[in-house]
């Protein structure tokens, strides 16, 4: 019985998470740079346009992290409503509310860092020649 509930919980979580992940990936890809583009632009950024591109990149990454934080917050609610045996046997494992809450907090911190980077590059764009 419990095994069937675990499968149902996992299936429900997948149904909720999949569309949100696809949406966040599409949003983030719209403005993000490749690793090479980012490295090159960081090394050579001088103009206002260069810094705006970097700010847009960091904002897109921040949005991705915010979306992931929301997804994991929602998953935590689902796991709290339908706890798995892992809550007791393996606290903090991927199929627990605690794991989802920890990851959501990690994503929120990453989003804040990326937002701060975007603001910094916005300021650099204002001051660029």
Protein backbone atom coordinates (compact mmCIF):
# COMPACT_ATOMS: atom_id res chain seq x y z
CA UNK A 1 0.00 0.00 0.00
CA UNK A 2 2.75 2.47 0.97
CA UNK A 3 4.74 1.63 -2.16
CA UNK A 4 1.70 2.47 -4.30
CA UNK A 5 1.34 5.79 -2.44
CA UNK A 6 5.01 6.57 -3.07
CA UNK A 7 4.55 5.94 -6.78
CA UNK A 8 1.45 8.12 -6.82
CA UNK A 9 3.28 10.91 -5.01
CA UNK A 10 6.20 10.69 -7.43
CA UNK A 11 3.85 10.68 -10.40
CA UNK A 12 1.92 13.68 -9.06
CA UNK A 13 5.18 15.54 -8.43
CA UNK A 14 6.31 14.83 -11.99
CA UNK A 15 3.01 16.10 -13.38
CA UNK A 16 3.40 19.36 -11.50
CA UNK A 17 7.10 19.86 -12.09
CA UNK A 18 7.47 18.96 -15.77
CA UNK A 19 5.51 21.85 -17.33
CA UNK A 20 7.10 24.35 -14.95
CA UNK A 21 10.59 23.10 -15.77
CA UNK A 22 9.96 23.40 -19.50
CA UNK A 23 8.63 26.93 -19.06
CA UNK A 24 11.59 27.99 -16.95
CA UNK A 25 14.05 26.48 -19.42
CA UNK A 26 12.47 28.38 -22.32
CA UNK A 27 12.47 31.64 -20.36
CA UNK A 28 16.07 31.31 -19.26
CA UNK A 29 17.32 30.29 -22.69
CA UNK A 30 15.78 33.36 -24.25
CA UNK A 31 18.35 35.75 -22.76
CA UNK A 32 21.17 33.56 -21.49
CA UNK A 33 24.59 33.42 -23.03
CA UNK A 34 26.61 30.31 -23.67
CA UNK A 35 29.53 29.68 -21.34
CA UNK A 36 31.96 30.90 -24.02
CA UNK A 37 29.89 34.00 -24.79
CA UNK A 38 29.67 34.81 -21.09
CA UNK A 39 33.40 34.34 -20.51
CA UNK A 40 34.29 36.43 -23.56
CA UNK A 41 31.88 39.21 -22.62
CA UNK A 42 33.06 39.31 -19.00
CA UNK A 43 36.66 39.59 -20.22
CA UNK A 44 35.95 42.34 -22.75
CA UNK A 45 32.89 44.27 -21.49
CA UNK A 46 33.46 47.99 -21.92
CA UNK A 47 30.34 49.48 -23.49
CA UNK A 48 26.91 50.06 -22.01
CA UNK A 49 25.52 47.48 -24.43
CA UNK A 50 28.02 44.87 -23.20
CA UNK A 51 26.96 45.42 -19.61
CA UNK A 52 23.26 45.37 -20.53
CA UNK A 53 23.79 41.98 -22.18
CA UNK A 54 25.44 40.72 -19.01
CA UNK A 55 22.64 42.16 -16.87
CA UNK A 56 20.03 40.46 -19.09
CA UNK A 57 21.91 37.17 -18.78
CA UNK A 58 22.02 37.36 -14.99
CA UNK A 59 18.33 38.34 -14.82
CA UNK A 60 17.40 35.31 -16.93
CA UNK A 61 19.43 33.02 -14.69
CA UNK A 62 17.80 34.61 -11.62
CA UNK A 63 14.36 33.95 -13.13
CA UNK A 64 15.30 30.32 -13.70
CA UNK A 65 16.37 29.96 -10.07
CA UNK A 66 13.17 31.65 -8.84
CA UNK A 67 11.10 29.24 -10.94
CA UNK A 68 13.00 26.27 -9.52
CA UNK A 69 12.48 27.60 -5.98
CA UNK A 70 8.74 27.82 -6.61
CA UNK A 71 8.67 24.32 -8.09
CA UNK A 72 10.41 22.85 -5.08
CA UNK A 73 8.24 24.82 -2.66
CA UNK A 74 5.19 23.30 -4.40
CA UNK A 75 6.74 19.82 -4.29
CA UNK A 76 7.40 20.23 -0.56
CA UNK A 77 3.71 20.98 -0.02
CA UNK A 78 2.82 17.81 -1.92
CA UNK A 79 5.27 15.71 0.08
CA UNK A 80 3.94 17.18 3.33
CA UNK A 81 0.40 16.31 2.28
CA UNK A 82 1.44 12.78 1.23
CA UNK A 83 4.57 11.87 3.18
CA UNK A 84 6.71 9.01 1.94
CA UNK A 85 8.46 6.45 4.10
CA UNK A 86 11.68 8.33 3.39
CA UNK A 87 10.54 11.11 5.74
CA UNK A 88 11.34 8.72 8.60
CA UNK A 89 13.84 6.29 7.08
CA UNK A 90 15.97 8.75 5.08
CA UNK A 91 15.22 12.33 6.18
CA UNK A 92 16.39 14.84 3.63
CA UNK A 93 16.46 12.37 0.74
CA UNK A 94 15.14 13.61 -2.63
CA UNK A 95 11.62 12.32 -2.01
CA UNK A 96 11.06 14.35 1.15
CA UNK A 97 9.64 17.76 1.92
CA UNK A 98 12.84 18.70 3.77
CA UNK A 99 14.92 18.13 0.64
CA UNK A 100 12.57 20.25 -1.45
CA UNK A 101 12.58 23.08 1.11
CA UNK A 102 16.38 23.03 1.31
CA UNK A 103 16.70 23.13 -2.46
CA UNK A 104 14.09 25.91 -2.72
CA UNK A 105 16.11 28.01 -0.27
CA UNK A 106 19.30 27.30 -2.23
CA UNK A 107 17.57 28.45 -5.44
CA UNK A 108 16.29 31.64 -3.77
CA UNK A 109 19.84 32.49 -2.62
CA UNK A 110 21.21 31.82 -6.11
CA UNK A 111 18.48 34.02 -7.62
CA UNK A 112 19.39 36.83 -5.22
CA UNK A 113 23.06 36.57 -6.19
CA UNK A 114 22.21 36.67 -9.90
CA UNK A 115 19.88 39.63 -9.37
CA UNK A 116 22.67 41.46 -7.53
CA UNK A 117 24.98 40.75 -10.48
CA UNK A 118 22.37 42.14 -12.89
CA UNK A 119 22.01 45.32 -10.82
CA UNK A 120 25.80 45.71 -10.74
CA UNK A 121 25.98 45.46 -14.54
CA UNK A 122 23.06 47.88 -14.91
CA UNK A 123 25.12 50.39 -12.90
CA UNK A 124 28.18 49.66 -15.01
CA UNK A 125 26.10 50.23 -18.16
CA UNK A 126 25.01 53.65 -16.85
CA UNK A 127 28.61 54.60 -16.18
CA UNK A 128 30.04 53.20 -19.44
CA UNK A 129 31.01 55.46 -22.30
